mmCIF file of all heavy atoms, coordinates in Angstrom:
data_MODEL
# 
_entry.id   MODEL 
# 
loop_
_atom_site.group_PDB 
_atom_site.id 
_atom_site.type_symbol 
_atom_site.label_atom_id 
_atom_site.label_alt_id 
_atom_site.label_comp_id 
_atom_site.label_asym_id 
_atom_site.label_entity_id 
_atom_site.label_seq_id 
_atom_site.pdbx_PDB_ins_code 
_atom_site.Cartn_x 
_atom_site.Cartn_y 
_atom_site.Cartn_z 
_atom_site.occupancy 
_atom_site.B_iso_or_equiv 
_atom_site.pdbx_formal_charge 
_atom_site.auth_seq_id 
_atom_site.auth_comp_id 
_atom_site.auth_asym_id 
_atom_site.auth_atom_id 
_atom_site.pdbx_PDB_model_num 
ATOM 1   N N   . GLY A 1 1  ? 73.073 -141.121 53.953 1.00 0.00 ? 1  GLY A N   1 
ATOM 2   C CA  . GLY A 1 1  ? 72.932 -141.746 55.354 1.00 0.00 ? 1  GLY A CA  1 
ATOM 3   C C   . GLY A 1 1  ? 73.002 -140.792 56.463 1.00 0.00 ? 1  GLY A C   1 
ATOM 4   O O   . GLY A 1 1  ? 73.880 -139.829 56.480 1.00 0.00 ? 1  GLY A O   1 
ATOM 5   N N   . ARG A 1 2  ? 72.066 -140.953 57.362 1.00 0.00 ? 2  ARG A N   1 
ATOM 6   C CA  . ARG A 1 2  ? 72.155 -140.055 58.630 1.00 0.00 ? 2  ARG A CA  1 
ATOM 7   C C   . ARG A 1 2  ? 72.887 -140.710 59.729 1.00 0.00 ? 2  ARG A C   1 
ATOM 8   O O   . ARG A 1 2  ? 73.777 -140.046 60.306 1.00 0.00 ? 2  ARG A O   1 
ATOM 9   C CB  . ARG A 1 2  ? 70.672 -139.809 59.109 1.00 0.00 ? 2  ARG A CB  1 
ATOM 10  C CG  . ARG A 1 2  ? 69.853 -138.953 58.044 1.00 0.00 ? 2  ARG A CG  1 
ATOM 11  C CD  . ARG A 1 2  ? 68.522 -138.625 58.649 1.00 0.00 ? 2  ARG A CD  1 
ATOM 12  N NE  . ARG A 1 2  ? 67.655 -137.789 57.730 1.00 0.00 ? 2  ARG A NE  1 
ATOM 13  C CZ  . ARG A 1 2  ? 66.429 -137.356 57.915 1.00 0.00 ? 2  ARG A CZ  1 
ATOM 14  N NH1 . ARG A 1 2  ? 65.877 -137.673 59.044 1.00 0.00 ? 2  ARG A NH1 1 
ATOM 15  N NH2 . ARG A 1 2  ? 65.859 -136.691 56.981 1.00 0.00 ? 2  ARG A NH2 1 
ATOM 16  N N   . HIS A 1 3  ? 72.565 -141.869 60.084 1.00 0.00 ? 3  HIS A N   1 
ATOM 17  C CA  . HIS A 1 3  ? 73.332 -142.617 61.168 1.00 0.00 ? 3  HIS A CA  1 
ATOM 18  C C   . HIS A 1 3  ? 73.966 -143.835 60.593 1.00 0.00 ? 3  HIS A C   1 
ATOM 19  O O   . HIS A 1 3  ? 73.391 -144.425 59.625 1.00 0.00 ? 3  HIS A O   1 
ATOM 20  C CB  . HIS A 1 3  ? 72.381 -142.852 62.340 1.00 0.00 ? 3  HIS A CB  1 
ATOM 21  C CG  . HIS A 1 3  ? 71.940 -141.651 63.115 1.00 0.00 ? 3  HIS A CG  1 
ATOM 22  N ND1 . HIS A 1 3  ? 72.787 -140.926 63.916 1.00 0.00 ? 3  HIS A ND1 1 
ATOM 23  C CD2 . HIS A 1 3  ? 70.802 -140.934 63.091 1.00 0.00 ? 3  HIS A CD2 1 
ATOM 24  C CE1 . HIS A 1 3  ? 72.119 -139.850 64.382 1.00 0.00 ? 3  HIS A CE1 1 
ATOM 25  N NE2 . HIS A 1 3  ? 70.927 -139.921 63.928 1.00 0.00 ? 3  HIS A NE2 1 
ATOM 26  N N   . ALA A 1 4  ? 74.926 -144.391 61.267 1.00 0.00 ? 4  ALA A N   1 
ATOM 27  C CA  . ALA A 1 4  ? 75.535 -145.594 60.892 1.00 0.00 ? 4  ALA A CA  1 
ATOM 28  C C   . ALA A 1 4  ? 76.272 -146.221 62.112 1.00 0.00 ? 4  ALA A C   1 
ATOM 29  O O   . ALA A 1 4  ? 76.281 -145.796 63.201 1.00 0.00 ? 4  ALA A O   1 
ATOM 30  C CB  . ALA A 1 4  ? 76.643 -145.309 59.858 1.00 0.00 ? 4  ALA A CB  1 
ATOM 31  N N   . ASN A 1 5  ? 76.896 -147.364 61.909 1.00 0.00 ? 5  ASN A N   1 
ATOM 32  C CA  . ASN A 1 5  ? 77.774 -148.008 62.917 1.00 0.00 ? 5  ASN A CA  1 
ATOM 33  C C   . ASN A 1 5  ? 79.209 -148.091 62.398 1.00 0.00 ? 5  ASN A C   1 
ATOM 34  O O   . ASN A 1 5  ? 79.571 -149.094 61.781 1.00 0.00 ? 5  ASN A O   1 
ATOM 35  C CB  . ASN A 1 5  ? 77.244 -149.404 63.213 1.00 0.00 ? 5  ASN A CB  1 
ATOM 36  C CG  . ASN A 1 5  ? 75.869 -149.520 63.901 1.00 0.00 ? 5  ASN A CG  1 
ATOM 37  O OD1 . ASN A 1 5  ? 75.667 -148.793 64.862 1.00 0.00 ? 5  ASN A OD1 1 
ATOM 38  N ND2 . ASN A 1 5  ? 74.944 -150.183 63.313 1.00 0.00 ? 5  ASN A ND2 1 
ATOM 39  N N   . PRO A 1 6  ? 79.935 -146.962 62.425 1.00 0.00 ? 6  PRO A N   1 
ATOM 40  C CA  . PRO A 1 6  ? 81.332 -146.958 61.906 1.00 0.00 ? 6  PRO A CA  1 
ATOM 41  C C   . PRO A 1 6  ? 82.125 -148.007 62.630 1.00 0.00 ? 6  PRO A C   1 
ATOM 42  O O   . PRO A 1 6  ? 81.850 -148.368 63.755 1.00 0.00 ? 6  PRO A O   1 
ATOM 43  C CB  . PRO A 1 6  ? 81.778 -145.523 62.319 1.00 0.00 ? 6  PRO A CB  1 
ATOM 44  C CG  . PRO A 1 6  ? 80.475 -144.741 62.429 1.00 0.00 ? 6  PRO A CG  1 
ATOM 45  C CD  . PRO A 1 6  ? 79.524 -145.575 62.997 1.00 0.00 ? 6  PRO A CD  1 
ATOM 46  N N   . ILE A 1 7  ? 83.167 -148.513 61.898 1.00 0.00 ? 7  ILE A N   1 
ATOM 47  C CA  . ILE A 1 7  ? 83.978 -149.571 62.374 1.00 0.00 ? 7  ILE A CA  1 
ATOM 48  C C   . ILE A 1 7  ? 85.204 -149.033 63.069 1.00 0.00 ? 7  ILE A C   1 
ATOM 49  O O   . ILE A 1 7  ? 85.927 -148.212 62.462 1.00 0.00 ? 7  ILE A O   1 
ATOM 50  C CB  . ILE A 1 7  ? 84.388 -150.521 61.158 1.00 0.00 ? 7  ILE A CB  1 
ATOM 51  C CG1 . ILE A 1 7  ? 83.154 -150.992 60.403 1.00 0.00 ? 7  ILE A CG1 1 
ATOM 52  C CG2 . ILE A 1 7  ? 85.182 -151.732 61.757 1.00 0.00 ? 7  ILE A CG2 1 
ATOM 53  C CD1 . ILE A 1 7  ? 82.175 -151.891 61.245 1.00 0.00 ? 7  ILE A CD1 1 
ATOM 54  N N   . VAL A 1 8  ? 85.371 -149.554 64.250 1.00 0.00 ? 8  VAL A N   1 
ATOM 55  C CA  . VAL A 1 8  ? 86.580 -149.208 64.981 1.00 0.00 ? 8  VAL A CA  1 
ATOM 56  C C   . VAL A 1 8  ? 87.792 -150.212 64.635 1.00 0.00 ? 8  VAL A C   1 
ATOM 57  O O   . VAL A 1 8  ? 87.576 -151.363 64.731 1.00 0.00 ? 8  VAL A O   1 
ATOM 58  C CB  . VAL A 1 8  ? 86.393 -149.255 66.531 1.00 0.00 ? 8  VAL A CB  1 
ATOM 59  C CG1 . VAL A 1 8  ? 87.730 -149.033 67.331 1.00 0.00 ? 8  VAL A CG1 1 
ATOM 60  C CG2 . VAL A 1 8  ? 85.323 -148.280 66.976 1.00 0.00 ? 8  VAL A CG2 1 
ATOM 61  N N   . ILE A 1 9  ? 88.814 -149.718 64.088 1.00 0.00 ? 9  ILE A N   1 
ATOM 62  C CA  . ILE A 1 9  ? 89.946 -150.559 63.854 1.00 0.00 ? 9  ILE A CA  1 
ATOM 63  C C   . ILE A 1 9  ? 91.025 -150.486 64.885 1.00 0.00 ? 9  ILE A C   1 
ATOM 64  O O   . ILE A 1 9  ? 91.499 -149.488 65.208 1.00 0.00 ? 9  ILE A O   1 
ATOM 65  C CB  . ILE A 1 9  ? 90.556 -150.014 62.390 1.00 0.00 ? 9  ILE A CB  1 
ATOM 66  C CG1 . ILE A 1 9  ? 89.485 -149.968 61.337 1.00 0.00 ? 9  ILE A CG1 1 
ATOM 67  C CG2 . ILE A 1 9  ? 91.727 -150.909 61.972 1.00 0.00 ? 9  ILE A CG2 1 
ATOM 68  C CD1 . ILE A 1 9  ? 88.922 -151.305 60.998 1.00 0.00 ? 9  ILE A CD1 1 
ATOM 69  N N   . PRO A 1 10 ? 91.395 -151.702 65.396 1.00 0.00 ? 10 PRO A N   1 
ATOM 70  C CA  . PRO A 1 10 ? 92.369 -151.745 66.395 1.00 0.00 ? 10 PRO A CA  1 
ATOM 71  C C   . PRO A 1 10 ? 93.637 -151.246 65.943 1.00 0.00 ? 10 PRO A C   1 
ATOM 72  O O   . PRO A 1 10 ? 94.043 -151.301 64.681 1.00 0.00 ? 10 PRO A O   1 
ATOM 73  C CB  . PRO A 1 10 ? 92.547 -153.323 66.706 1.00 0.00 ? 10 PRO A CB  1 
ATOM 74  C CG  . PRO A 1 10 ? 91.237 -153.838 66.259 1.00 0.00 ? 10 PRO A CG  1 
ATOM 75  C CD  . PRO A 1 10 ? 90.798 -153.063 65.130 1.00 0.00 ? 10 PRO A CD  1 
ATOM 76  N N   . PRO A 1 11 ? 94.504 -150.549 66.754 1.00 0.00 ? 11 PRO A N   1 
ATOM 77  C CA  . PRO A 1 11 ? 94.335 -150.472 68.222 1.00 0.00 ? 11 PRO A CA  1 
ATOM 78  C C   . PRO A 1 11 ? 93.527 -149.244 68.659 1.00 0.00 ? 11 PRO A C   1 
ATOM 79  O O   . PRO A 1 11 ? 93.456 -148.939 69.855 1.00 0.00 ? 11 PRO A O   1 
ATOM 80  C CB  . PRO A 1 11 ? 95.724 -150.322 68.679 1.00 0.00 ? 11 PRO A CB  1 
ATOM 81  C CG  . PRO A 1 11 ? 96.412 -149.571 67.592 1.00 0.00 ? 11 PRO A CG  1 
ATOM 82  C CD  . PRO A 1 11 ? 95.842 -150.016 66.342 1.00 0.00 ? 11 PRO A CD  1 
ATOM 83  N N   . THR A 1 12 ? 92.962 -148.472 67.791 1.00 0.00 ? 12 THR A N   1 
ATOM 84  C CA  . THR A 1 12 ? 92.124 -147.332 68.174 1.00 0.00 ? 12 THR A CA  1 
ATOM 85  C C   . THR A 1 12 ? 90.873 -147.850 68.893 1.00 0.00 ? 12 THR A C   1 
ATOM 86  O O   . THR A 1 12 ? 90.479 -149.009 68.749 1.00 0.00 ? 12 THR A O   1 
ATOM 87  C CB  . THR A 1 12 ? 91.752 -146.430 67.007 1.00 0.00 ? 12 THR A CB  1 
ATOM 88  O OG1 . THR A 1 12 ? 90.915 -147.132 66.087 1.00 0.00 ? 12 THR A OG1 1 
ATOM 89  C CG2 . THR A 1 12 ? 92.986 -145.954 66.262 1.00 0.00 ? 12 THR A CG2 1 
ATOM 90  N N   . VAL A 1 13 ? 90.249 -146.949 69.670 1.00 0.00 ? 13 VAL A N   1 
ATOM 91  C CA  . VAL A 1 13 ? 89.024 -147.278 70.468 1.00 0.00 ? 13 VAL A CA  1 
ATOM 92  C C   . VAL A 1 13 ? 87.862 -146.589 70.099 1.00 0.00 ? 13 VAL A C   1 
ATOM 93  O O   . VAL A 1 13 ? 86.709 -146.819 70.630 1.00 0.00 ? 13 VAL A O   1 
ATOM 94  C CB  . VAL A 1 13 ? 89.381 -147.190 71.899 1.00 0.00 ? 13 VAL A CB  1 
ATOM 95  C CG1 . VAL A 1 13 ? 90.547 -148.009 72.360 1.00 0.00 ? 13 VAL A CG1 1 
ATOM 96  C CG2 . VAL A 1 13 ? 89.565 -145.654 72.347 1.00 0.00 ? 13 VAL A CG2 1 
ATOM 97  N N   . ALA A 1 14 ? 87.946 -145.621 69.039 1.00 0.00 ? 14 ALA A N   1 
ATOM 98  C CA  . ALA A 1 14 ? 86.686 -144.829 68.783 1.00 0.00 ? 14 ALA A CA  1 
ATOM 99  C C   . ALA A 1 14 ? 86.740 -144.292 67.425 1.00 0.00 ? 14 ALA A C   1 
ATOM 100 O O   . ALA A 1 14 ? 87.895 -144.067 66.884 1.00 0.00 ? 14 ALA A O   1 
ATOM 101 C CB  . ALA A 1 14 ? 86.459 -143.763 69.825 1.00 0.00 ? 14 ALA A CB  1 
ATOM 102 N N   . ILE A 1 15 ? 85.650 -144.062 66.765 1.00 0.00 ? 15 ILE A N   1 
ATOM 103 C CA  . ILE A 1 15 ? 85.525 -143.436 65.508 1.00 0.00 ? 15 ILE A CA  1 
ATOM 104 C C   . ILE A 1 15 ? 84.118 -142.625 65.482 1.00 0.00 ? 15 ILE A C   1 
ATOM 105 O O   . ILE A 1 15 ? 83.111 -143.088 66.061 1.00 0.00 ? 15 ILE A O   1 
ATOM 106 C CB  . ILE A 1 15 ? 85.380 -144.447 64.311 1.00 0.00 ? 15 ILE A CB  1 
ATOM 107 C CG1 . ILE A 1 15 ? 85.318 -143.695 63.000 1.00 0.00 ? 15 ILE A CG1 1 
ATOM 108 C CG2 . ILE A 1 15 ? 84.413 -145.499 64.550 1.00 0.00 ? 15 ILE A CG2 1 
ATOM 109 C CD1 . ILE A 1 15 ? 85.441 -144.650 61.842 1.00 0.00 ? 15 ILE A CD1 1 
ATOM 110 N N   . LEU A 1 16 ? 84.250 -141.410 64.963 1.00 0.00 ? 16 LEU A N   1 
ATOM 111 C CA  . LEU A 1 16 ? 83.094 -140.571 64.816 1.00 0.00 ? 16 LEU A CA  1 
ATOM 112 C C   . LEU A 1 16 ? 82.546 -140.562 63.374 1.00 0.00 ? 16 LEU A C   1 
ATOM 113 O O   . LEU A 1 16 ? 83.343 -140.352 62.414 1.00 0.00 ? 16 LEU A O   1 
ATOM 114 C CB  . LEU A 1 16 ? 83.290 -139.201 65.216 1.00 0.00 ? 16 LEU A CB  1 
ATOM 115 C CG  . LEU A 1 16 ? 82.176 -138.116 65.120 1.00 0.00 ? 16 LEU A CG  1 
ATOM 116 C CD1 . LEU A 1 16 ? 81.070 -138.420 66.115 1.00 0.00 ? 16 LEU A CD1 1 
ATOM 117 C CD2 . LEU A 1 16 ? 82.677 -136.699 65.239 1.00 0.00 ? 16 LEU A CD2 1 
ATOM 118 N N   . GLY A 1 17 ? 81.286 -140.816 63.176 1.00 0.00 ? 17 GLY A N   1 
ATOM 119 C CA  . GLY A 1 17 ? 80.689 -140.726 61.882 1.00 0.00 ? 17 GLY A CA  1 
ATOM 120 C C   . GLY A 1 17 ? 79.797 -139.522 61.769 1.00 0.00 ? 17 GLY A C   1 
ATOM 121 O O   . GLY A 1 17 ? 78.861 -139.235 62.696 1.00 0.00 ? 17 GLY A O   1 
ATOM 122 N N   . ALA A 1 18 ? 79.922 -138.662 60.758 1.00 0.00 ? 18 ALA A N   1 
ATOM 123 C CA  . ALA A 1 18 ? 79.079 -137.492 60.555 1.00 0.00 ? 18 ALA A CA  1 
ATOM 124 C C   . ALA A 1 18 ? 78.034 -137.847 59.354 1.00 0.00 ? 18 ALA A C   1 
ATOM 125 O O   . ALA A 1 18 ? 78.565 -138.128 58.311 1.00 0.00 ? 18 ALA A O   1 
ATOM 126 C CB  . ALA A 1 18 ? 79.886 -136.212 60.187 1.00 0.00 ? 18 ALA A CB  1 
ATOM 127 N N   . GLY A 1 19 ? 76.845 -137.835 59.618 1.00 0.00 ? 19 GLY A N   1 
ATOM 128 C CA  . GLY A 1 19 ? 75.815 -138.117 58.607 1.00 0.00 ? 19 GLY A CA  1 
ATOM 129 C C   . GLY A 1 19 ? 75.435 -136.923 57.728 1.00 0.00 ? 19 GLY A C   1 
ATOM 130 O O   . GLY A 1 19 ? 75.977 -135.868 57.815 1.00 0.00 ? 19 GLY A O   1 
ATOM 131 N N   . LEU A 1 20 ? 74.421 -137.262 56.945 1.00 0.00 ? 20 LEU A N   1 
ATOM 132 C CA  . LEU A 1 20 ? 73.891 -136.284 55.979 1.00 0.00 ? 20 LEU A CA  1 
ATOM 133 C C   . LEU A 1 20 ? 72.972 -135.215 56.710 1.00 0.00 ? 20 LEU A C   1 
ATOM 134 O O   . LEU A 1 20 ? 72.090 -135.587 57.354 1.00 0.00 ? 20 LEU A O   1 
ATOM 135 C CB  . LEU A 1 20 ? 73.096 -136.939 54.988 1.00 0.00 ? 20 LEU A CB  1 
ATOM 136 C CG  . LEU A 1 20 ? 72.331 -136.122 53.920 1.00 0.00 ? 20 LEU A CG  1 
ATOM 137 C CD1 . LEU A 1 20 ? 73.330 -135.421 52.995 1.00 0.00 ? 20 LEU A CD1 1 
ATOM 138 C CD2 . LEU A 1 20 ? 71.323 -136.962 53.044 1.00 0.00 ? 20 LEU A CD2 1 
ATOM 139 N N   . CYS A 1 21 ? 73.288 -133.980 56.615 1.00 0.00 ? 21 CYS A N   1 
ATOM 140 C CA  . CYS A 1 21 ? 72.575 -132.896 57.227 1.00 0.00 ? 21 CYS A CA  1 
ATOM 141 C C   . CYS A 1 21 ? 71.118 -132.856 56.703 1.00 0.00 ? 21 CYS A C   1 
ATOM 142 O O   . CYS A 1 21 ? 70.879 -133.164 55.473 1.00 0.00 ? 21 CYS A O   1 
ATOM 143 C CB  . CYS A 1 21 ? 73.251 -131.629 57.074 1.00 0.00 ? 21 CYS A CB  1 
ATOM 144 S SG  . CYS A 1 21 ? 74.782 -131.406 57.919 1.00 0.00 ? 21 CYS A SG  1 
ATOM 145 N N   . TYR A 1 22 ? 70.153 -132.495 57.533 1.00 0.00 ? 22 TYR A N   1 
ATOM 146 C CA  . TYR A 1 22 ? 68.782 -132.439 57.110 1.00 0.00 ? 22 TYR A CA  1 
ATOM 147 C C   . TYR A 1 22 ? 68.005 -131.336 57.813 1.00 0.00 ? 22 TYR A C   1 
ATOM 148 O O   . TYR A 1 22 ? 68.447 -130.928 58.976 1.00 0.00 ? 22 TYR A O   1 
ATOM 149 C CB  . TYR A 1 22 ? 68.078 -133.743 57.263 1.00 0.00 ? 22 TYR A CB  1 
ATOM 150 C CG  . TYR A 1 22 ? 67.966 -134.226 58.689 1.00 0.00 ? 22 TYR A CG  1 
ATOM 151 C CD1 . TYR A 1 22 ? 66.795 -134.101 59.398 1.00 0.00 ? 22 TYR A CD1 1 
ATOM 152 C CD2 . TYR A 1 22 ? 69.026 -134.883 59.303 1.00 0.00 ? 22 TYR A CD2 1 
ATOM 153 C CE1 . TYR A 1 22 ? 66.689 -134.460 60.738 1.00 0.00 ? 22 TYR A CE1 1 
ATOM 154 C CE2 . TYR A 1 22 ? 68.951 -135.300 60.568 1.00 0.00 ? 22 TYR A CE2 1 
ATOM 155 C CZ  . TYR A 1 22 ? 67.759 -135.118 61.269 1.00 0.00 ? 22 TYR A CZ  1 
ATOM 156 O OH  . TYR A 1 22 ? 67.609 -135.544 62.646 1.00 0.00 ? 22 TYR A OH  1 
ATOM 157 N N   . ASP A 1 23 ? 67.002 -130.836 57.303 1.00 0.00 ? 23 ASP A N   1 
ATOM 158 C CA  . ASP A 1 23 ? 66.111 -129.835 57.941 1.00 0.00 ? 23 ASP A CA  1 
ATOM 159 C C   . ASP A 1 23 ? 65.002 -130.544 58.728 1.00 0.00 ? 23 ASP A C   1 
ATOM 160 O O   . ASP A 1 23 ? 64.402 -131.542 58.277 1.00 0.00 ? 23 ASP A O   1 
ATOM 161 C CB  . ASP A 1 23 ? 65.490 -128.927 56.897 1.00 0.00 ? 23 ASP A CB  1 
ATOM 162 C CG  . ASP A 1 23 ? 66.486 -128.039 56.190 1.00 0.00 ? 23 ASP A CG  1 
ATOM 163 O OD1 . ASP A 1 23 ? 67.573 -127.785 56.808 1.00 0.00 ? 23 ASP A OD1 1 
ATOM 164 O OD2 . ASP A 1 23 ? 66.242 -127.657 55.049 1.00 0.00 ? 23 ASP A OD2 1 
ATOM 165 N N   . ALA A 1 24 ? 64.727 -129.988 59.893 1.00 0.00 ? 24 ALA A N   1 
ATOM 166 C CA  . ALA A 1 24 ? 63.685 -130.602 60.803 1.00 0.00 ? 24 ALA A CA  1 
ATOM 167 C C   . ALA A 1 24 ? 62.973 -129.410 61.579 1.00 0.00 ? 24 ALA A C   1 
ATOM 168 O O   . ALA A 1 24 ? 63.667 -128.419 61.869 1.00 0.00 ? 24 ALA A O   1 
ATOM 169 C CB  . ALA A 1 24 ? 64.194 -131.620 61.662 1.00 0.00 ? 24 ALA A CB  1 
ATOM 170 N N   . VAL A 1 25 ? 61.757 -129.721 61.984 1.00 0.00 ? 25 VAL A N   1 
ATOM 171 C CA  . VAL A 1 25 ? 61.058 -128.705 62.842 1.00 0.00 ? 25 VAL A CA  1 
ATOM 172 C C   . VAL A 1 25 ? 61.448 -128.987 64.256 1.00 0.00 ? 25 VAL A C   1 
ATOM 173 O O   . VAL A 1 25 ? 61.426 -130.006 64.818 1.00 0.00 ? 25 VAL A O   1 
ATOM 174 C CB  . VAL A 1 25 ? 59.602 -129.003 62.718 1.00 0.00 ? 25 VAL A CB  1 
ATOM 175 C CG1 . VAL A 1 25 ? 58.811 -127.935 63.624 1.00 0.00 ? 25 VAL A CG1 1 
ATOM 176 C CG2 . VAL A 1 25 ? 59.111 -128.745 61.350 1.00 0.00 ? 25 VAL A CG2 1 
ATOM 177 N N   . VAL A 1 26 ? 61.958 -127.908 64.898 1.00 0.00 ? 26 VAL A N   1 
ATOM 178 C CA  . VAL A 1 26 ? 62.512 -127.895 66.338 1.00 0.00 ? 26 VAL A CA  1 
ATOM 179 C C   . VAL A 1 26 ? 61.806 -126.848 67.101 1.00 0.00 ? 26 VAL A C   1 
ATOM 180 O O   . VAL A 1 26 ? 61.432 -125.787 66.535 1.00 0.00 ? 26 VAL A O   1 
ATOM 181 C CB  . VAL A 1 26 ? 64.053 -127.811 66.416 1.00 0.00 ? 26 VAL A CB  1 
ATOM 182 C CG1 . VAL A 1 26 ? 64.713 -129.028 65.656 1.00 0.00 ? 26 VAL A CG1 1 
ATOM 183 C CG2 . VAL A 1 26 ? 64.478 -126.506 65.792 1.00 0.00 ? 26 VAL A CG2 1 
ATOM 184 N N   . PRO A 1 27 ? 61.749 -126.950 68.397 1.00 0.00 ? 27 PRO A N   1 
ATOM 185 C CA  . PRO A 1 27 ? 61.088 -125.905 69.250 1.00 0.00 ? 27 PRO A CA  1 
ATOM 186 C C   . PRO A 1 27 ? 62.212 -124.787 69.504 1.00 0.00 ? 27 PRO A C   1 
ATOM 187 O O   . PRO A 1 27 ? 63.400 -125.148 69.936 1.00 0.00 ? 27 PRO A O   1 
ATOM 188 C CB  . PRO A 1 27 ? 60.704 -126.564 70.525 1.00 0.00 ? 27 PRO A CB  1 
ATOM 189 C CG  . PRO A 1 27 ? 61.583 -127.851 70.612 1.00 0.00 ? 27 PRO A CG  1 
ATOM 190 C CD  . PRO A 1 27 ? 61.978 -128.190 69.229 1.00 0.00 ? 27 PRO A CD  1 
ATOM 191 N N   . VAL A 1 28 ? 61.835 -123.540 69.277 1.00 0.00 ? 28 VAL A N   1 
ATOM 192 C CA  . VAL A 1 28 ? 62.676 -122.421 69.599 1.00 0.00 ? 28 VAL A CA  1 
ATOM 193 C C   . VAL A 1 28 ? 61.841 -121.439 70.202 1.00 0.00 ? 28 VAL A C   1 
ATOM 194 O O   . VAL A 1 28 ? 60.944 -120.872 69.668 1.00 0.00 ? 28 VAL A O   1 
ATOM 195 C CB  . VAL A 1 28 ? 63.261 -121.798 68.249 1.00 0.00 ? 28 VAL A CB  1 
ATOM 196 C CG1 . VAL A 1 28 ? 64.084 -120.551 68.570 1.00 0.00 ? 28 VAL A CG1 1 
ATOM 197 C CG2 . VAL A 1 28 ? 64.009 -122.791 67.430 1.00 0.00 ? 28 VAL A CG2 1 
# 
């Protein structure tokens, strides 16, 4: 998985999800 909707469990207010790395063409 690349992106998701991670679940925030109270009483915390945020969670970070790191997805599957992939190769892509980018401008350099």
